[in-house]
């Protein structure tokens, strides 16, 4: 279980790591089939929704053969880097026999793997069936706010505190660093553009602003989840990568404020929503509702296990017709 700090809006990593190590030490007492069946019964009235999400994350619906680089789950070891990815995958694969084979890629994945693999992120466009999305690095990515500030009481400015390394972020800062509608700051040093350096600020400070920059980095925009749970609005181009958040399902100007890929309409878009606050309130309401679907731990457990069921079923390692007859 992930425990969140009420004041910082961030997950407490100490408890996350403690839970991860305890799961490695103590045996699993739950029977997988019984647990899945209990969850299926519990969420029976949400069957179509759960089916949608499982099939969105895991698009494999044909027989696949494990490659030589698939490894038994028993061979999964805590890596020097990517420990949180390991814990997030291990939390669920431990329900399955240790001889079962898996393939996974940890880190910021922007290309489609050659063989079906569990990943945190994938390109939205293209034949991405081999990218099986899983809720990885959730302690960092899935944070939510306790935003008590009304939209009307926030500043009419776009706030952005970003590591500025990728071309799209550099281009954005070149255009708008000194713009009166923006409060931008680069938080990483040692670059050719350290002129943009500013101190980090807390999520609470960022929540004083109506608009928050959610521009992609190496893959997805990490802050998008907590921004969409707040009373501020995410501002960004149409996403090119997606994660467990299903960024590919987000609707422009419904869940977030869309700006062009070259950012040329930013001022126009901000001024529109400053003037039309009723439209802004609709986006906030829609974004909050969208984020709520990821906050039921038991339902997230069921979806995660069914993703694995599909993976092991279509790779010929298990007969899961009891759970996958409609998948």
Protein backbone atom coordinates (compact mmCIF):
# COMPACT_ATOMS: atom_id res chain seq x y z
CA UNK A 1 0.00 0.00 0.00
CA UNK A 2 1.20 3.51 -0.82
CA UNK A 3 0.79 6.13 1.91
CA UNK A 4 0.61 9.78 0.91
CA UNK A 5 1.84 12.79 2.86
CA UNK A 6 -1.23 15.01 3.27
CA UNK A 7 0.78 18.23 3.27
CA UNK A 8 3.31 17.58 0.48
CA UNK A 9 0.83 15.63 -1.70
CA UNK A 10 3.62 13.12 -2.32
CA UNK A 11 3.77 9.41 -1.57
CA UNK A 12 5.94 8.40 1.38
CA UNK A 13 8.69 6.24 -0.11
CA UNK A 14 9.78 4.78 3.23
CA UNK A 15 6.48 2.93 3.62
CA UNK A 16 6.51 1.95 -0.05
CA UNK A 17 9.95 0.32 0.22
CA UNK A 18 9.05 -1.30 3.52
CA UNK A 19 6.00 -2.91 1.93
CA UNK A 20 8.05 -4.06 -1.05
CA UNK A 21 10.68 -5.79 1.07
CA UNK A 22 8.09 -7.34 3.38
CA UNK A 23 6.36 -8.93 0.38
CA UNK A 24 9.67 -10.56 -0.55
CA UNK A 25 10.16 -11.94 2.94
CA UNK A 26 6.72 -13.29 3.79
CA UNK A 27 4.91 -15.91 1.70
CA UNK A 28 1.76 -15.06 -0.21
CA UNK A 29 -1.25 -16.52 1.57
CA UNK A 30 -3.89 -15.70 -1.05
CA UNK A 31 -4.94 -18.24 -3.66
CA UNK A 32 -4.80 -16.48 -7.03
CA UNK A 33 -7.88 -18.04 -8.58
CA UNK A 34 -9.98 -17.45 -5.49
CA UNK A 35 -8.75 -13.88 -5.16
CA UNK A 36 -9.46 -13.05 -8.82
CA UNK A 37 -12.90 -14.63 -8.62
CA UNK A 38 -13.72 -12.68 -5.46
CA UNK A 39 -12.66 -9.46 -7.13
CA UNK A 40 -14.60 -10.29 -10.30
CA UNK A 41 -17.68 -10.83 -8.17
CA UNK A 42 -17.06 -7.62 -6.22
CA UNK A 43 -16.80 -5.57 -9.41
CA UNK A 44 -19.31 -7.53 -11.46
CA UNK A 45 -21.28 -4.37 -12.29
CA UNK A 46 -18.11 -2.82 -13.75
CA UNK A 47 -17.29 -5.74 -16.01
CA UNK A 48 -17.28 -3.78 -19.29
CA UNK A 49 -15.14 -1.04 -17.80
CA UNK A 50 -12.59 -3.52 -16.41
CA UNK A 51 -12.52 -5.36 -19.73
CA UNK A 52 -11.82 -2.08 -21.52
CA UNK A 53 -8.87 -1.24 -19.30
CA UNK A 54 -7.35 -4.72 -19.35
CA UNK A 55 -7.53 -4.87 -23.14
CA UNK A 56 -6.20 -1.33 -23.44
CA UNK A 57 -3.09 -2.13 -21.44
CA UNK A 58 -2.59 -5.63 -22.83
CA UNK A 59 -3.60 -5.78 -26.49
CA UNK A 60 -2.39 -9.33 -27.04
CA UNK A 61 -5.25 -11.58 -28.17
CA UNK A 62 -3.29 -14.18 -30.16
CA UNK A 63 -0.88 -16.96 -29.35
CA UNK A 64 2.67 -15.83 -28.58
CA UNK A 65 5.83 -17.80 -27.87
CA UNK A 66 8.30 -16.78 -25.17
CA UNK A 67 11.66 -15.69 -26.58
CA UNK A 68 15.02 -16.72 -25.19
CA UNK A 69 15.31 -13.50 -23.21
CA UNK A 70 12.14 -14.15 -21.19
CA UNK A 71 13.07 -15.11 -17.64
CA UNK A 72 11.33 -17.10 -14.87
CA UNK A 73 9.72 -14.88 -12.26
CA UNK A 74 11.95 -16.64 -9.70
CA UNK A 75 14.97 -15.09 -11.46
CA UNK A 76 13.75 -11.54 -10.99
CA UNK A 77 16.31 -9.79 -8.81
CA UNK A 78 16.30 -6.34 -7.25
CA UNK A 79 18.29 -4.23 -9.74
CA UNK A 80 20.86 -1.57 -8.92
CA UNK A 81 18.53 0.89 -10.60
CA UNK A 82 14.80 0.58 -11.06
CA UNK A 83 14.00 -0.93 -7.65
CA UNK A 84 10.51 0.61 -7.65
CA UNK A 85 9.78 -0.97 -11.04
CA UNK A 86 10.83 -4.34 -9.63
CA UNK A 87 8.60 -4.01 -6.57
CA UNK A 88 5.59 -2.91 -8.66
CA UNK A 89 5.82 -5.89 -11.00
CA UNK A 90 6.78 -8.37 -8.28
CA UNK A 91 3.72 -7.36 -6.23
CA UNK A 92 1.56 -9.20 -8.77
CA UNK A 93 3.75 -11.81 -10.51
CA UNK A 94 4.26 -13.43 -7.10
CA UNK A 95 0.69 -14.74 -7.47
CA UNK A 96 1.95 -17.05 -10.24
CA UNK A 97 4.27 -20.08 -10.33
CA UNK A 98 7.93 -19.09 -10.15
CA UNK A 99 8.68 -21.01 -13.37
CA UNK A 100 6.45 -18.69 -15.43
CA UNK A 101 8.40 -16.66 -17.98
CA UNK A 102 8.16 -12.89 -18.37
CA UNK A 103 9.90 -10.11 -20.24
CA UNK A 104 10.05 -6.57 -18.89
CA UNK A 105 11.81 -3.30 -19.64
CA UNK A 106 12.29 -0.84 -16.79
CA UNK A 107 12.79 2.90 -17.18
CA UNK A 108 11.52 5.47 -19.68
CA UNK A 109 10.57 3.34 -22.65
CA UNK A 110 9.79 5.19 -25.87
CA UNK A 111 10.14 2.38 -28.42
CA UNK A 112 8.07 -0.74 -28.97
CA UNK A 113 9.96 -3.88 -27.90
CA UNK A 114 10.61 -6.80 -30.23
CA UNK A 115 8.74 -9.21 -27.96
CA UNK A 116 5.72 -8.72 -25.64
CA UNK A 117 7.13 -6.96 -22.58
CA UNK A 118 5.85 -5.20 -19.48
CA UNK A 119 6.68 -1.50 -19.69
CA UNK A 120 5.78 1.71 -17.91
CA UNK A 121 5.25 3.69 -21.11
CA UNK A 122 4.75 3.21 -24.84
CA UNK A 123 4.18 5.31 -27.97
CA UNK A 124 0.49 6.04 -28.49
CA UNK A 125 0.66 5.68 -32.25
CA UNK A 126 1.74 2.61 -34.18
CA UNK A 127 1.47 -1.12 -33.63
CA UNK A 128 2.22 -1.11 -29.92
CA UNK A 129 0.85 -4.55 -28.97
CA UNK A 130 4.25 -5.70 -27.72
CA UNK A 131 4.21 -2.89 -25.16
CA UNK A 132 2.14 -4.29 -22.30
CA UNK A 133 1.48 -1.38 -19.96
CA UNK A 134 1.80 -1.98 -16.23
CA UNK A 135 1.53 0.37 -13.27
CA UNK A 136 5.28 0.81 -12.75
CA UNK A 137 7.06 3.44 -10.65
CA UNK A 138 3.67 4.30 -9.20
CA UNK A 139 5.16 5.75 -6.01
CA UNK A 140 6.50 8.63 -8.12
CA UNK A 141 3.95 8.90 -10.88
CA UNK A 142 0.65 8.30 -9.11
CA UNK A 143 0.42 11.11 -6.62
CA UNK A 144 -2.69 13.17 -5.98
CA UNK A 145 -3.41 16.54 -4.40
CA UNK A 146 -5.47 17.86 -1.53
CA UNK A 147 -6.17 21.11 -3.34
CA UNK A 148 -8.18 23.49 -1.16
CA UNK A 149 -7.67 26.55 -3.38
CA UNK A 150 -10.56 27.45 -5.67
CA UNK A 151 -9.74 28.06 -9.31
CA UNK A 152 -11.09 31.59 -9.03
CA UNK A 153 -8.61 32.35 -6.23
CA UNK A 154 -5.58 31.21 -8.19
CA UNK A 155 -3.14 33.36 -10.18
CA UNK A 156 -3.83 33.91 -13.90
CA UNK A 157 -0.41 32.50 -14.78
CA UNK A 158 1.08 29.27 -16.13
CA UNK A 159 3.54 27.72 -13.66
CA UNK A 160 6.28 25.37 -14.79
CA UNK A 161 9.16 23.82 -12.87
CA UNK A 162 10.87 21.32 -15.10
CA UNK A 163 14.08 19.47 -15.82
CA UNK A 164 14.86 21.05 -19.19
CA UNK A 165 16.87 18.58 -21.25
CA UNK A 166 14.69 17.47 -24.13
CA UNK A 167 14.20 19.51 -27.30
CA UNK A 168 10.51 20.18 -26.72
CA UNK A 169 11.14 21.62 -23.26
CA UNK A 170 14.08 23.70 -24.46
CA UNK A 171 11.95 25.08 -27.29
CA UNK A 172 9.13 25.95 -24.88
CA UNK A 173 11.43 27.79 -22.48
CA UNK A 174 13.04 29.71 -25.35
CA UNK A 175 9.62 30.99 -26.36
CA UNK A 176 8.07 31.74 -22.99
CA UNK A 177 10.63 32.03 -20.18
CA UNK A 178 10.17 35.80 -19.93
CA UNK A 179 6.51 35.89 -20.89
CA UNK A 180 4.27 37.81 -18.42
CA UNK A 181 1.70 34.99 -18.42
CA UNK A 182 4.32 32.42 -17.38
CA UNK A 183 6.38 31.61 -14.32
CA UNK A 184 8.90 29.10 -15.65
CA UNK A 185 11.97 27.65 -14.02
CA UNK A 186 14.54 25.03 -14.91
CA UNK A 187 15.45 22.76 -11.98
CA UNK A 188 18.46 20.93 -13.48
CA UNK A 189 21.88 22.58 -13.70
CA UNK A 190 24.97 22.02 -15.82
CA UNK A 191 23.32 22.86 -19.14
CA UNK A 192 23.99 25.45 -21.82
CA UNK A 193 20.81 27.22 -20.71
CA UNK A 194 21.32 27.55 -16.96
CA UNK A 195 20.06 31.10 -17.35
CA UNK A 196 16.61 29.54 -16.78
CA UNK A 197 17.60 28.06 -13.41
CA UNK A 198 15.23 28.59 -10.49
CA UNK A 199 14.73 26.81 -7.19
CA UNK A 200 12.26 23.95 -6.97
CA UNK A 201 8.93 24.84 -5.45
CA UNK A 202 6.45 22.60 -3.68
CA UNK A 203 3.23 21.27 -5.15
CA UNK A 204 1.40 23.53 -2.70
CA UNK A 205 3.10 26.55 -4.24
CA UNK A 206 2.28 25.39 -7.75
CA UNK A 207 -1.37 24.98 -6.79
CA UNK A 208 -1.60 28.75 -6.35
CA UNK A 209 -1.61 29.03 -10.15
CA UNK A 210 -4.55 28.36 -12.48
CA UNK A 211 -2.45 26.70 -15.17
CA UNK A 212 0.34 24.12 -14.81
CA UNK A 213 2.70 23.09 -17.58
CA UNK A 214 2.59 19.33 -18.24
CA UNK A 215 4.98 18.92 -21.13
CA UNK A 216 6.40 15.48 -21.91
CA UNK A 217 10.04 14.75 -21.10
CA UNK A 218 11.65 11.49 -22.17
CA UNK A 219 8.21 9.88 -22.13
CA UNK A 220 5.08 11.02 -20.28
CA UNK A 221 4.66 14.17 -18.18
CA UNK A 222 5.19 12.94 -14.61
CA UNK A 223 3.16 15.72 -13.00
CA UNK A 224 0.04 15.18 -15.11
CA UNK A 225 -1.62 12.86 -12.59
CA UNK A 226 -1.50 15.22 -9.62
CA UNK A 227 -2.38 18.21 -11.77
CA UNK A 228 -5.52 16.47 -13.04
CA UNK A 229 -6.52 15.74 -9.43
CA UNK A 230 -6.31 19.43 -8.50
CA UNK A 231 -8.30 22.62 -9.05
CA UNK A 232 -5.71 23.82 -11.57
CA UNK A 233 -5.57 22.83 -15.24
CA UNK A 234 -2.92 20.94 -17.18
CA UNK A 235 -1.64 22.77 -20.27
CA UNK A 236 0.17 20.70 -22.89
CA UNK A 237 0.37 19.55 -26.51
CA UNK A 238 -1.36 16.30 -27.43
CA UNK A 239 0.64 13.51 -25.75
CA UNK A 240 2.78 11.16 -27.83
CA UNK A 241 3.36 8.58 -25.10
CA UNK A 242 1.07 6.86 -22.63
CA UNK A 243 1.25 5.00 -19.35
CA UNK A 244 -1.18 3.44 -16.89
CA UNK A 245 -2.98 6.81 -17.00
CA UNK A 246 -4.08 5.97 -20.57
CA UNK A 247 -2.96 9.35 -21.90
CA UNK A 248 -4.17 8.23 -25.32
CA UNK A 249 -7.74 8.45 -24.03
CA UNK A 250 -7.47 12.03 -22.79
CA UNK A 251 -9.66 14.46 -24.71
CA UNK A 252 -8.16 17.87 -25.60
CA UNK A 253 -9.96 20.86 -24.05
CA UNK A 254 -12.07 18.41 -22.06
CA UNK A 255 -9.45 16.92 -19.71
CA UNK A 256 -6.67 19.46 -20.33
CA UNK A 257 -5.97 22.63 -22.30
CA UNK A 258 -4.48 21.72 -25.66
CA UNK A 259 -1.73 23.83 -27.21
CA UNK A 260 -0.07 23.30 -30.57
CA UNK A 261 3.08 21.22 -30.89
CA UNK A 262 5.04 24.40 -31.66
CA UNK A 263 3.40 26.12 -28.63
CA UNK A 264 2.50 29.15 -30.79
CA UNK A 265 -1.06 29.48 -29.44
CA UNK A 266 -0.21 29.37 -25.72
CA UNK A 267 -1.05 33.01 -24.97
CA UNK A 268 -4.33 32.77 -26.89
CA UNK A 269 -5.38 29.60 -25.02
CA UNK A 270 -4.52 30.97 -21.57
CA UNK A 271 -6.38 34.23 -22.18
CA UNK A 272 -9.42 32.33 -23.42
CA UNK A 273 -9.73 30.29 -20.23
CA UNK A 274 -8.96 33.28 -18.01
CA UNK A 275 -11.91 35.04 -19.62
CA UNK A 276 -14.16 31.97 -19.82
CA UNK A 277 -13.82 30.51 -16.35
CA UNK A 278 -16.96 28.37 -16.74
CA UNK A 279 -15.13 26.44 -19.48
CA UNK A 280 -12.16 26.07 -17.13
CA UNK A 281 -14.39 24.66 -14.37
CA UNK A 282 -15.69 22.03 -16.80
CA UNK A 283 -12.17 20.88 -17.60
CA UNK A 284 -11.31 20.66 -13.90
CA UNK A 285 -14.44 18.62 -13.20
CA UNK A 286 -13.71 16.26 -16.10
CA UNK A 287 -10.06 15.85 -15.13
CA UNK A 288 -10.92 15.12 -11.48
CA UNK A 289 -13.46 12.50 -12.55
CA UNK A 290 -10.95 10.86 -14.90
CA UNK A 291 -8.33 10.56 -12.16
CA UNK A 292 -10.78 8.97 -9.70
CA UNK A 293 -10.85 5.74 -11.73
CA UNK A 294 -7.28 4.94 -10.62
CA UNK A 295 -7.90 5.32 -6.89
CA UNK A 296 -9.67 2.07 -6.02
CA UNK A 297 -6.89 -0.26 -4.85
CA UNK A 298 -8.89 -3.49 -5.13
CA UNK A 299 -10.02 -2.68 -8.66
CA UNK A 300 -6.45 -1.80 -9.60
CA UNK A 301 -5.39 -5.19 -8.19
CA UNK A 302 -7.94 -6.98 -10.34
CA UNK A 303 -6.93 -5.14 -13.51
CA UNK A 304 -3.24 -5.84 -12.85
CA UNK A 305 -3.85 -9.55 -12.29
CA UNK A 306 -6.04 -9.87 -15.39
CA UNK A 307 -3.30 -8.25 -17.48
CA UNK A 308 -0.96 -10.98 -16.25
CA UNK A 309 -3.60 -13.65 -16.84
CA UNK A 310 -3.83 -12.59 -20.49
CA UNK A 311 -0.05 -12.52 -20.83
CA UNK A 312 0.44 -15.98 -19.39
CA UNK A 313 -2.64 -17.38 -21.17
CA UNK A 314 -1.64 -16.28 -24.67
CA UNK A 315 1.97 -17.31 -24.10
CA UNK A 316 0.71 -20.84 -23.37
CA UNK A 317 1.75 -20.92 -19.74
CA UNK A 318 -1.70 -21.10 -18.15
CA UNK A 319 -5.28 -21.90 -19.07
CA UNK A 320 -7.21 -18.92 -17.76
CA UNK A 321 -10.55 -19.36 -19.45
CA UNK A 322 -12.28 -18.96 -16.09
CA UNK A 323 -11.20 -15.32 -15.96
CA UNK A 324 -10.60 -14.44 -19.60
CA UNK A 325 -13.63 -15.87 -21.40
CA UNK A 326 -14.71 -12.33 -22.34
CA UNK A 327 -11.22 -10.97 -23.01
